[in-house]
N, C-alpha and C. Protein backbone atom coordinates (compact mmCIF):
# COMPACT_ATOMS: atom_id res chain seq x y z
N MET A 1 20.07 7.16 -9.35
CA MET A 1 19.22 8.01 -8.54
C MET A 1 17.86 7.33 -8.38
N ARG A 2 17.35 7.39 -7.20
CA ARG A 2 16.05 6.81 -6.88
C ARG A 2 14.94 7.57 -7.60
N LYS A 3 14.07 6.84 -8.28
CA LYS A 3 12.97 7.48 -9.01
C LYS A 3 11.94 8.01 -8.03
N LYS A 4 11.23 9.03 -8.47
CA LYS A 4 10.10 9.53 -7.68
C LYS A 4 9.12 10.21 -8.62
N LYS A 5 7.90 10.31 -8.15
CA LYS A 5 6.84 10.95 -8.93
C LYS A 5 5.95 11.70 -7.95
N THR A 6 5.58 12.90 -8.31
CA THR A 6 4.66 13.68 -7.48
C THR A 6 3.32 13.75 -8.21
N ILE A 7 2.28 13.40 -7.46
CA ILE A 7 0.92 13.48 -8.00
C ILE A 7 0.13 14.44 -7.13
N LYS A 8 -0.93 14.97 -7.70
CA LYS A 8 -1.77 15.90 -6.96
C LYS A 8 -3.15 15.28 -6.80
N ILE A 9 -3.60 15.21 -5.56
CA ILE A 9 -4.94 14.73 -5.25
C ILE A 9 -5.61 15.85 -4.47
N ASP A 10 -6.68 16.34 -5.06
CA ASP A 10 -7.33 17.56 -4.55
C ASP A 10 -6.28 18.66 -4.50
N ASP A 11 -6.03 19.24 -3.33
CA ASP A 11 -5.06 20.33 -3.24
C ASP A 11 -3.74 19.87 -2.60
N LYS A 12 -3.58 18.55 -2.44
CA LYS A 12 -2.40 18.02 -1.78
C LYS A 12 -1.47 17.34 -2.79
N GLU A 13 -0.18 17.70 -2.73
CA GLU A 13 0.83 17.04 -3.55
C GLU A 13 1.43 15.90 -2.73
N ILE A 14 1.51 14.72 -3.37
CA ILE A 14 2.04 13.53 -2.71
C ILE A 14 3.16 12.98 -3.58
N THR A 15 4.30 12.73 -2.95
CA THR A 15 5.45 12.18 -3.67
C THR A 15 5.55 10.69 -3.39
N ILE A 16 5.74 9.92 -4.46
CA ILE A 16 5.93 8.48 -4.38
C ILE A 16 7.38 8.20 -4.74
N ARG A 17 8.08 7.39 -3.92
CA ARG A 17 9.48 7.09 -4.16
C ARG A 17 9.68 5.61 -4.50
N GLU A 18 10.73 5.36 -5.24
CA GLU A 18 11.10 3.99 -5.59
C GLU A 18 11.61 3.25 -4.36
N LEU A 19 11.26 1.98 -4.26
CA LEU A 19 11.77 1.15 -3.18
C LEU A 19 13.27 0.94 -3.33
N ARG A 20 13.96 0.87 -2.20
CA ARG A 20 15.36 0.48 -2.21
C ARG A 20 15.43 -1.04 -2.00
N VAL A 21 16.56 -1.65 -2.30
CA VAL A 21 16.70 -3.10 -2.14
C VAL A 21 16.39 -3.50 -0.70
N LYS A 22 16.90 -2.74 0.27
CA LYS A 22 16.63 -3.10 1.67
C LYS A 22 15.14 -3.00 1.99
N ASP A 23 14.43 -2.06 1.36
CA ASP A 23 12.99 -1.95 1.56
C ASP A 23 12.28 -3.18 1.01
N ILE A 24 12.70 -3.62 -0.17
CA ILE A 24 12.09 -4.79 -0.81
C ILE A 24 12.28 -6.02 0.08
N LEU A 25 13.50 -6.21 0.58
CA LEU A 25 13.78 -7.36 1.44
C LEU A 25 12.96 -7.31 2.72
N GLU A 26 12.82 -6.13 3.30
CA GLU A 26 12.03 -5.99 4.52
C GLU A 26 10.55 -6.21 4.26
N VAL A 27 10.06 -5.79 3.09
CA VAL A 27 8.66 -6.03 2.73
C VAL A 27 8.42 -7.53 2.63
N PHE A 28 9.30 -8.24 1.92
CA PHE A 28 9.15 -9.69 1.79
C PHE A 28 9.20 -10.36 3.15
N ASP A 29 10.13 -9.93 4.00
CA ASP A 29 10.24 -10.51 5.34
C ASP A 29 8.98 -10.26 6.16
N SER A 30 8.48 -9.03 6.11
CA SER A 30 7.32 -8.70 6.95
C SER A 30 6.08 -9.45 6.51
N PHE A 31 5.90 -9.66 5.21
CA PHE A 31 4.73 -10.38 4.74
C PHE A 31 4.88 -11.88 4.99
N GLY A 32 6.11 -12.35 5.05
CA GLY A 32 6.33 -13.76 5.30
C GLY A 32 6.15 -14.13 6.75
N GLU A 33 6.45 -13.22 7.66
CA GLU A 33 6.44 -13.52 9.08
C GLU A 33 5.14 -13.14 9.78
N LYS A 34 4.45 -12.16 9.30
CA LYS A 34 3.29 -11.64 10.01
C LYS A 34 2.02 -12.02 9.29
N ASN A 35 0.95 -12.05 10.04
CA ASN A 35 -0.35 -12.38 9.45
C ASN A 35 -1.14 -11.13 9.07
N LEU A 36 -0.52 -9.98 9.19
CA LEU A 36 -1.13 -8.69 8.84
C LEU A 36 -2.39 -8.39 9.65
N SER A 37 -2.45 -8.93 10.86
CA SER A 37 -3.62 -8.63 11.69
C SER A 37 -3.64 -7.15 12.07
N ASP A 38 -2.50 -6.53 12.07
CA ASP A 38 -2.44 -5.10 12.37
C ASP A 38 -2.09 -4.34 11.10
N ILE A 39 -3.04 -4.27 10.17
CA ILE A 39 -2.79 -3.63 8.88
C ILE A 39 -2.44 -2.15 9.03
N GLN A 40 -3.03 -1.48 10.01
CA GLN A 40 -2.70 -0.07 10.21
C GLN A 40 -1.25 0.10 10.59
N GLY A 41 -0.75 -0.74 11.47
CA GLY A 41 0.66 -0.68 11.85
C GLY A 41 1.57 -0.97 10.67
N GLN A 42 1.19 -1.96 9.86
CA GLN A 42 1.97 -2.29 8.67
C GLN A 42 2.03 -1.10 7.71
N ILE A 43 0.88 -0.49 7.50
CA ILE A 43 0.83 0.65 6.57
C ILE A 43 1.65 1.81 7.11
N GLU A 44 1.50 2.11 8.39
CA GLU A 44 2.25 3.22 8.98
C GLU A 44 3.75 2.98 8.92
N THR A 45 4.18 1.73 9.00
CA THR A 45 5.60 1.39 8.90
C THR A 45 6.09 1.50 7.45
N PHE A 46 5.27 1.06 6.51
CA PHE A 46 5.68 0.99 5.11
C PHE A 46 5.60 2.33 4.39
N LEU A 47 4.58 3.12 4.66
CA LEU A 47 4.35 4.37 3.92
C LEU A 47 5.56 5.30 3.85
N PRO A 48 6.25 5.57 4.96
CA PRO A 48 7.37 6.52 4.87
C PRO A 48 8.49 6.07 3.94
N ARG A 49 8.54 4.78 3.63
CA ARG A 49 9.57 4.28 2.72
C ARG A 49 9.29 4.69 1.29
N VAL A 50 8.02 4.92 0.96
CA VAL A 50 7.67 5.16 -0.44
C VAL A 50 6.93 6.47 -0.71
N THR A 51 6.43 7.12 0.32
CA THR A 51 5.64 8.32 0.08
C THR A 51 5.64 9.23 1.31
N ASP A 52 5.24 10.45 1.08
CA ASP A 52 5.08 11.37 2.20
C ASP A 52 3.63 11.38 2.69
N ALA A 53 2.77 10.55 2.09
CA ALA A 53 1.38 10.43 2.55
C ALA A 53 1.35 9.67 3.87
N LYS A 54 0.40 9.99 4.69
CA LYS A 54 0.20 9.33 5.99
C LYS A 54 -1.06 8.47 5.92
N LEU A 55 -1.21 7.58 6.88
CA LEU A 55 -2.41 6.74 6.94
C LEU A 55 -3.66 7.60 6.99
N LYS A 56 -3.61 8.69 7.73
CA LYS A 56 -4.75 9.60 7.81
C LYS A 56 -5.12 10.11 6.42
N ASP A 57 -4.09 10.43 5.60
CA ASP A 57 -4.34 10.89 4.23
C ASP A 57 -5.08 9.81 3.44
N LEU A 58 -4.64 8.56 3.58
CA LEU A 58 -5.28 7.46 2.84
C LEU A 58 -6.74 7.29 3.26
N LYS A 59 -7.00 7.43 4.55
CA LYS A 59 -8.36 7.28 5.05
C LYS A 59 -9.28 8.37 4.50
N ASP A 60 -8.70 9.53 4.19
CA ASP A 60 -9.49 10.64 3.66
C ASP A 60 -9.69 10.57 2.15
N MET A 61 -9.05 9.59 1.51
CA MET A 61 -9.12 9.48 0.05
C MET A 61 -10.26 8.57 -0.40
N ALA A 62 -10.71 8.84 -1.61
CA ALA A 62 -11.67 7.95 -2.26
C ALA A 62 -10.89 6.77 -2.84
N PRO A 63 -11.54 5.63 -3.05
CA PRO A 63 -10.84 4.49 -3.64
C PRO A 63 -10.16 4.82 -4.97
N SER A 64 -10.75 5.68 -5.77
CA SER A 64 -10.13 6.05 -7.05
C SER A 64 -8.82 6.81 -6.81
N GLU A 65 -8.74 7.55 -5.72
CA GLU A 65 -7.51 8.27 -5.40
C GLU A 65 -6.42 7.30 -4.92
N ILE A 66 -6.83 6.28 -4.18
CA ILE A 66 -5.89 5.23 -3.77
C ILE A 66 -5.32 4.55 -5.02
N THR A 67 -6.18 4.35 -6.02
CA THR A 67 -5.73 3.75 -7.27
C THR A 67 -4.68 4.62 -7.94
N LEU A 68 -4.86 5.94 -7.90
CA LEU A 68 -3.85 6.86 -8.45
C LEU A 68 -2.51 6.68 -7.74
N LEU A 69 -2.55 6.55 -6.42
CA LEU A 69 -1.32 6.33 -5.66
C LEU A 69 -0.66 5.01 -6.07
N TYR A 70 -1.48 3.95 -6.16
CA TYR A 70 -0.95 2.64 -6.53
C TYR A 70 -0.33 2.69 -7.93
N ASP A 71 -0.99 3.36 -8.87
CA ASP A 71 -0.47 3.46 -10.23
C ASP A 71 0.88 4.19 -10.25
N ALA A 72 1.00 5.25 -9.45
CA ALA A 72 2.27 5.98 -9.37
C ALA A 72 3.34 5.10 -8.72
N PHE A 73 2.95 4.35 -7.69
CA PHE A 73 3.89 3.42 -7.03
C PHE A 73 4.38 2.38 -8.02
N ARG A 74 3.45 1.84 -8.78
CA ARG A 74 3.81 0.81 -9.77
C ARG A 74 4.73 1.39 -10.85
N GLU A 75 4.47 2.63 -11.24
CA GLU A 75 5.30 3.28 -12.27
C GLU A 75 6.74 3.48 -11.80
N VAL A 76 6.92 4.06 -10.62
CA VAL A 76 8.28 4.34 -10.16
C VAL A 76 8.99 3.08 -9.67
N ASN A 77 8.26 2.01 -9.43
CA ASN A 77 8.85 0.76 -8.98
C ASN A 77 8.75 -0.33 -10.05
N ALA A 78 8.75 0.09 -11.31
CA ALA A 78 8.65 -0.87 -12.42
C ALA A 78 9.77 -1.90 -12.37
N SER A 79 10.96 -1.49 -12.00
CA SER A 79 12.09 -2.44 -11.91
C SER A 79 11.82 -3.52 -10.88
N PHE A 80 11.26 -3.13 -9.74
CA PHE A 80 10.91 -4.11 -8.70
C PHE A 80 9.90 -5.12 -9.24
N PHE A 81 8.87 -4.63 -9.90
CA PHE A 81 7.84 -5.53 -10.43
C PHE A 81 8.42 -6.44 -11.52
N ASP A 82 9.34 -5.91 -12.35
CA ASP A 82 9.99 -6.73 -13.37
C ASP A 82 10.85 -7.83 -12.73
N MET A 83 11.62 -7.46 -11.69
CA MET A 83 12.44 -8.45 -10.99
C MET A 83 11.57 -9.52 -10.34
N ALA A 84 10.50 -9.09 -9.72
CA ALA A 84 9.61 -10.05 -9.05
C ALA A 84 9.00 -11.01 -10.07
N ARG A 85 8.60 -10.47 -11.21
CA ARG A 85 8.02 -11.31 -12.27
C ARG A 85 9.06 -12.29 -12.79
N SER A 86 10.29 -11.82 -13.01
CA SER A 86 11.38 -12.68 -13.50
C SER A 86 11.72 -13.77 -12.49
N ALA A 87 11.59 -13.45 -11.22
CA ALA A 87 11.91 -14.43 -10.16
C ALA A 87 10.74 -15.35 -9.86
N GLY A 88 9.64 -15.19 -10.60
CA GLY A 88 8.48 -16.04 -10.38
C GLY A 88 7.68 -15.65 -9.16
N LEU A 89 7.78 -14.40 -8.76
CA LEU A 89 7.08 -13.94 -7.56
C LEU A 89 5.75 -13.26 -7.88
N ASP A 90 5.27 -13.44 -9.11
CA ASP A 90 3.98 -12.84 -9.49
C ASP A 90 2.88 -13.25 -8.51
N ARG A 91 2.86 -14.52 -8.18
CA ARG A 91 1.82 -15.04 -7.28
C ARG A 91 1.96 -14.41 -5.89
N PHE A 92 3.21 -14.26 -5.44
CA PHE A 92 3.47 -13.65 -4.14
C PHE A 92 2.94 -12.22 -4.10
N ILE A 93 3.23 -11.46 -5.15
CA ILE A 93 2.76 -10.07 -5.23
C ILE A 93 1.24 -10.02 -5.30
N ALA A 94 0.65 -10.93 -6.08
CA ALA A 94 -0.81 -10.99 -6.17
C ALA A 94 -1.41 -11.30 -4.80
N ASP A 95 -0.77 -12.21 -4.05
CA ASP A 95 -1.24 -12.55 -2.70
C ASP A 95 -1.14 -11.36 -1.76
N ILE A 96 -0.03 -10.61 -1.85
CA ILE A 96 0.14 -9.41 -1.02
C ILE A 96 -0.97 -8.41 -1.32
N LYS A 97 -1.20 -8.16 -2.61
CA LYS A 97 -2.24 -7.20 -3.01
C LYS A 97 -3.61 -7.66 -2.51
N ALA A 98 -3.92 -8.95 -2.67
CA ALA A 98 -5.21 -9.48 -2.21
C ALA A 98 -5.35 -9.35 -0.70
N THR A 99 -4.27 -9.63 0.02
CA THR A 99 -4.30 -9.53 1.48
C THR A 99 -4.51 -8.10 1.93
N ILE A 100 -3.81 -7.17 1.28
CA ILE A 100 -3.96 -5.76 1.64
C ILE A 100 -5.38 -5.29 1.36
N LEU A 101 -5.93 -5.65 0.21
CA LEU A 101 -7.31 -5.26 -0.12
C LEU A 101 -8.29 -5.85 0.88
N LYS A 102 -8.09 -7.12 1.24
CA LYS A 102 -8.97 -7.78 2.21
C LYS A 102 -8.88 -7.08 3.57
N ASP A 103 -7.64 -6.82 4.01
CA ASP A 103 -7.46 -6.19 5.32
C ASP A 103 -7.95 -4.75 5.33
N PHE A 104 -7.78 -4.03 4.21
CA PHE A 104 -8.34 -2.68 4.12
C PHE A 104 -9.86 -2.74 4.23
N SER A 105 -10.46 -3.71 3.56
CA SER A 105 -11.92 -3.86 3.63
C SER A 105 -12.37 -4.11 5.06
N GLU A 106 -11.65 -5.00 5.75
CA GLU A 106 -11.99 -5.30 7.14
C GLU A 106 -11.77 -4.08 8.03
N LEU A 107 -10.69 -3.33 7.76
CA LEU A 107 -10.40 -2.13 8.53
C LEU A 107 -11.53 -1.11 8.38
N PHE A 108 -11.97 -0.90 7.13
CA PHE A 108 -13.04 0.06 6.90
C PHE A 108 -14.37 -0.46 7.42
N ALA A 109 -14.65 -1.75 7.25
CA ALA A 109 -15.90 -2.31 7.74
C ALA A 109 -15.97 -2.22 9.26
N GLY A 110 -14.84 -2.42 9.91
CA GLY A 110 -14.80 -2.35 11.37
C GLY A 110 -15.03 -0.95 11.89
N SER A 111 -14.80 0.05 11.06
CA SER A 111 -14.99 1.43 11.50
C SER A 111 -16.39 1.95 11.22
N LEU A 112 -17.19 1.15 10.51
CA LEU A 112 -18.55 1.57 10.20
C LEU A 112 -19.48 1.30 11.38
N LYS A 113 -20.45 2.16 11.54
CA LYS A 113 -21.44 1.98 12.58
C LYS A 113 -22.55 1.10 12.04
N PRO A 114 -23.08 0.22 12.86
CA PRO A 114 -24.18 -0.64 12.39
C PRO A 114 -25.37 0.19 11.95
N VAL A 115 -26.00 -0.22 10.86
CA VAL A 115 -27.17 0.49 10.34
C VAL A 115 -28.42 -0.02 11.03
N ILE A 116 -28.46 -1.29 11.31
CA ILE A 116 -29.65 -1.90 11.94
C ILE A 116 -29.39 -2.01 13.44
N GLY A 117 -30.31 -1.52 14.22
CA GLY A 117 -30.17 -1.59 15.66
C GLY A 117 -30.39 -3.00 16.18
N LYS A 118 -29.96 -3.23 17.40
CA LYS A 118 -30.15 -4.54 18.02
C LYS A 118 -31.58 -4.68 18.48
N SER A 119 -32.10 -5.91 18.39
CA SER A 119 -33.48 -6.12 18.82
C SER A 119 -33.56 -6.75 20.17
């Protein structure tokens, strides 16, 4: 049976599900082929595979709440992380995480309004 965990953030319950083998293969394929220039599209495609949270929900969360989601994801997908580590894919996973964090930063920075006006 596929593992899952429900966490509560504010008044919303969010369920995190374990990746299936086909999900894992598609994740590896998508990160190998794409440059992640469209991080929002990537997130919107990936989220339904592992959670009932939407991109809008993530945008409304504080970074500490995103960390709660990631921790739950890591917990229910411990087998995936163990397999990746055994296969020597630690670096690949670290690169994915770094890319996602970088692209999230760019996504959020791009949505901010300039503080200093043009001269």
